Amino acid sequence: MVKMTDREKKELIEAEETILQLFFDAYERAMKYTKGNINLSLRMAAMLVSAMVHDQTESKSFQFLWQMGRDNK
């Protein structure tokens, strides 16, 4: 089991809450777009949130690596 600090736990909970909120917002929009098709709306919301999280994670990774490169000069 990985030990986490209280700060890390809080950040993880906040990230989970943000992802859930993004999913529910995307699901509501998809339900309107698909005229109530639940299955399609769930898939659309999942793909949208997955892409958003991936883009955000990738962006933060690039920022971190860029900063590391600048600090090492």
N, C-alpha and C. Protein backbone atom coordinates (compact mmCIF):
# COMPACT_ATOMS: atom_id res chain seq x y z
N MET A 1 0.85 -1.18 0.00
CA MET A 1 0.00 0.00 0.00
C MET A 1 0.89 1.24 0.00
N VAL A 2 0.54 2.18 -0.84
CA VAL A 2 1.31 3.41 -0.95
C VAL A 2 0.89 4.38 0.15
N LYS A 3 1.89 4.90 0.85
CA LYS A 3 1.61 5.90 1.89
C LYS A 3 1.42 7.25 1.22
N MET A 4 0.38 7.95 1.65
CA MET A 4 0.10 9.28 1.10
C MET A 4 0.01 10.28 2.23
N THR A 5 0.51 11.47 1.97
CA THR A 5 0.37 12.53 2.96
C THR A 5 -1.06 13.04 2.93
N ASP A 6 -1.43 13.77 3.96
CA ASP A 6 -2.78 14.35 3.99
C ASP A 6 -3.00 15.29 2.80
N ARG A 7 -1.96 16.02 2.44
CA ARG A 7 -2.06 16.94 1.29
C ARG A 7 -2.30 16.16 0.00
N GLU A 8 -1.58 15.06 -0.19
CA GLU A 8 -1.76 14.23 -1.39
C GLU A 8 -3.16 13.63 -1.43
N LYS A 9 -3.65 13.19 -0.27
CA LYS A 9 -5.01 12.64 -0.21
C LYS A 9 -6.04 13.70 -0.60
N LYS A 10 -5.85 14.91 -0.06
CA LYS A 10 -6.78 16.00 -0.37
C LYS A 10 -6.75 16.33 -1.86
N GLU A 11 -5.55 16.39 -2.45
CA GLU A 11 -5.43 16.68 -3.88
C GLU A 11 -6.07 15.59 -4.72
N LEU A 12 -5.92 14.34 -4.31
CA LEU A 12 -6.52 13.23 -5.04
C LEU A 12 -8.04 13.30 -4.99
N ILE A 13 -8.58 13.59 -3.82
CA ILE A 13 -10.04 13.72 -3.67
C ILE A 13 -10.56 14.87 -4.53
N GLU A 14 -9.85 16.00 -4.52
CA GLU A 14 -10.26 17.14 -5.34
C GLU A 14 -10.22 16.80 -6.83
N ALA A 15 -9.20 16.06 -7.25
CA ALA A 15 -9.09 15.66 -8.65
C ALA A 15 -10.24 14.72 -9.03
N GLU A 16 -10.56 13.78 -8.15
CA GLU A 16 -11.66 12.85 -8.40
C GLU A 16 -12.99 13.61 -8.51
N GLU A 17 -13.20 14.56 -7.61
CA GLU A 17 -14.44 15.35 -7.65
C GLU A 17 -14.53 16.16 -8.94
N THR A 18 -13.42 16.72 -9.37
CA THR A 18 -13.39 17.49 -10.61
C THR A 18 -13.73 16.61 -11.81
N ILE A 19 -13.13 15.43 -11.85
CA ILE A 19 -13.39 14.51 -12.96
C ILE A 19 -14.85 14.08 -12.97
N LEU A 20 -15.40 13.78 -11.81
CA LEU A 20 -16.82 13.41 -11.74
C LEU A 20 -17.71 14.55 -12.21
N GLN A 21 -17.40 15.77 -11.80
CA GLN A 21 -18.21 16.92 -12.22
C GLN A 21 -18.11 17.11 -13.73
N LEU A 22 -16.91 16.97 -14.29
CA LEU A 22 -16.74 17.06 -15.74
C LEU A 22 -17.57 16.00 -16.44
N PHE A 23 -17.57 14.78 -15.90
CA PHE A 23 -18.33 13.69 -16.51
C PHE A 23 -19.83 13.99 -16.49
N PHE A 24 -20.35 14.41 -15.34
CA PHE A 24 -21.79 14.68 -15.26
C PHE A 24 -22.20 15.84 -16.16
N ASP A 25 -21.36 16.87 -16.25
CA ASP A 25 -21.66 17.98 -17.16
C ASP A 25 -21.66 17.51 -18.61
N ALA A 26 -20.66 16.71 -18.97
CA ALA A 26 -20.57 16.18 -20.34
C ALA A 26 -21.75 15.26 -20.63
N TYR A 27 -22.16 14.47 -19.65
CA TYR A 27 -23.29 13.55 -19.82
C TYR A 27 -24.59 14.33 -20.07
N GLU A 28 -24.81 15.39 -19.29
CA GLU A 28 -26.01 16.20 -19.47
C GLU A 28 -26.05 16.81 -20.87
N ARG A 29 -24.92 17.34 -21.32
CA ARG A 29 -24.86 17.92 -22.67
C ARG A 29 -25.10 16.84 -23.73
N ALA A 30 -24.51 15.67 -23.52
CA ALA A 30 -24.68 14.58 -24.48
C ALA A 30 -26.13 14.09 -24.53
N MET A 31 -26.79 14.07 -23.39
CA MET A 31 -28.20 13.66 -23.37
C MET A 31 -29.06 14.59 -24.22
N LYS A 32 -28.77 15.88 -24.16
CA LYS A 32 -29.51 16.84 -24.99
C LYS A 32 -29.18 16.62 -26.46
N TYR A 33 -27.91 16.40 -26.74
CA TYR A 33 -27.45 16.24 -28.13
C TYR A 33 -28.01 14.97 -28.75
N THR A 34 -28.07 13.88 -27.97
CA THR A 34 -28.52 12.59 -28.50
C THR A 34 -30.02 12.37 -28.30
N LYS A 35 -30.69 13.38 -27.81
CA LYS A 35 -32.13 13.31 -27.56
C LYS A 35 -32.50 12.16 -26.62
N GLY A 36 -31.70 12.00 -25.57
CA GLY A 36 -32.02 11.05 -24.52
C GLY A 36 -31.48 9.65 -24.68
N ASN A 37 -30.60 9.42 -25.63
CA ASN A 37 -30.00 8.09 -25.81
C ASN A 37 -28.96 7.88 -24.71
N ILE A 38 -29.34 7.15 -23.67
CA ILE A 38 -28.49 6.99 -22.49
C ILE A 38 -27.17 6.32 -22.82
N ASN A 39 -27.20 5.21 -23.54
CA ASN A 39 -25.98 4.47 -23.85
C ASN A 39 -24.99 5.33 -24.63
N LEU A 40 -25.48 5.99 -25.67
CA LEU A 40 -24.61 6.84 -26.48
C LEU A 40 -24.10 8.03 -25.66
N SER A 41 -24.95 8.59 -24.84
CA SER A 41 -24.55 9.73 -24.01
C SER A 41 -23.46 9.35 -23.02
N LEU A 42 -23.58 8.18 -22.41
CA LEU A 42 -22.55 7.72 -21.48
C LEU A 42 -21.21 7.54 -22.20
N ARG A 43 -21.26 6.94 -23.39
CA ARG A 43 -20.01 6.74 -24.15
C ARG A 43 -19.40 8.06 -24.57
N MET A 44 -20.25 8.98 -25.03
CA MET A 44 -19.73 10.30 -25.44
C MET A 44 -19.11 11.03 -24.26
N ALA A 45 -19.77 11.01 -23.12
CA ALA A 45 -19.26 11.70 -21.94
C ALA A 45 -17.94 11.08 -21.48
N ALA A 46 -17.87 9.76 -21.49
CA ALA A 46 -16.65 9.08 -21.07
C ALA A 46 -15.48 9.43 -21.99
N MET A 47 -15.74 9.44 -23.30
CA MET A 47 -14.66 9.77 -24.25
C MET A 47 -14.22 11.22 -24.10
N LEU A 48 -15.17 12.12 -23.91
CA LEU A 48 -14.84 13.53 -23.76
C LEU A 48 -14.00 13.78 -22.51
N VAL A 49 -14.43 13.23 -21.39
CA VAL A 49 -13.69 13.43 -20.14
C VAL A 49 -12.32 12.76 -20.22
N SER A 50 -12.26 11.59 -20.81
CA SER A 50 -10.97 10.92 -20.97
C SER A 50 -10.00 11.78 -21.77
N ALA A 51 -10.49 12.37 -22.85
CA ALA A 51 -9.64 13.24 -23.68
C ALA A 51 -9.23 14.48 -22.91
N MET A 52 -10.15 15.06 -22.14
CA MET A 52 -9.84 16.26 -21.37
C MET A 52 -8.78 15.97 -20.32
N VAL A 53 -8.92 14.87 -19.61
CA VAL A 53 -7.96 14.50 -18.57
C VAL A 53 -6.61 14.19 -19.20
N HIS A 54 -6.61 13.48 -20.32
CA HIS A 54 -5.36 13.15 -21.00
C HIS A 54 -4.64 14.42 -21.45
N ASP A 55 -5.38 15.35 -22.05
CA ASP A 55 -4.77 16.60 -22.50
C ASP A 55 -4.19 17.39 -21.33
N GLN A 56 -4.93 17.45 -20.24
CA GLN A 56 -4.47 18.19 -19.06
C GLN A 56 -3.23 17.53 -18.47
N THR A 57 -3.23 16.21 -18.38
CA THR A 57 -2.08 15.48 -17.83
C THR A 57 -0.87 15.65 -18.72
N GLU A 58 -1.08 15.53 -20.03
CA GLU A 58 0.01 15.69 -20.98
C GLU A 58 0.59 17.09 -20.90
N SER A 59 -0.27 18.08 -20.78
CA SER A 59 0.16 19.47 -20.70
C SER A 59 1.01 19.69 -19.45
N LYS A 60 0.56 19.16 -18.32
CA LYS A 60 1.32 19.32 -17.07
C LYS A 60 2.65 18.59 -17.15
N SER A 61 2.68 17.43 -17.80
CA SER A 61 3.93 16.68 -17.95
C SER A 61 4.93 17.47 -18.78
N PHE A 62 4.45 18.06 -19.88
CA PHE A 62 5.33 18.86 -20.73
C PHE A 62 5.84 20.08 -19.97
N GLN A 63 4.96 20.73 -19.20
CA GLN A 63 5.38 21.89 -18.42
C GLN A 63 6.46 21.50 -17.42
N PHE A 64 6.28 20.36 -16.76
CA PHE A 64 7.24 19.88 -15.77
C PHE A 64 8.59 19.59 -16.44
N LEU A 65 8.56 18.87 -17.56
CA LEU A 65 9.80 18.53 -18.26
C LEU A 65 10.49 19.79 -18.79
N TRP A 66 9.72 20.74 -19.30
CA TRP A 66 10.28 21.98 -19.81
C TRP A 66 10.98 22.73 -18.67
N GLN A 67 10.31 22.80 -17.51
CA GLN A 67 10.90 23.48 -16.36
C GLN A 67 12.17 22.77 -15.90
N MET A 68 12.15 21.44 -15.89
CA MET A 68 13.35 20.69 -15.50
C MET A 68 14.51 21.00 -16.44
N GLY A 69 14.22 21.05 -17.73
CA GLY A 69 15.25 21.35 -18.72
C GLY A 69 15.83 22.73 -18.53
N ARG A 70 14.98 23.69 -18.20
CA ARG A 70 15.44 25.07 -17.99
C ARG A 70 16.25 25.17 -16.71
N ASP A 71 15.84 24.43 -15.68
CA ASP A 71 16.56 24.48 -14.40
C ASP A 71 17.94 23.85 -14.49
N ASN A 72 18.10 22.89 -15.38
CA ASN A 72 19.37 22.17 -15.49
C ASN A 72 20.40 22.91 -16.33
N LYS A 73 20.04 24.04 -16.92
CA LYS A 73 21.00 24.79 -17.75
C LYS A 73 21.92 25.62 -16.91
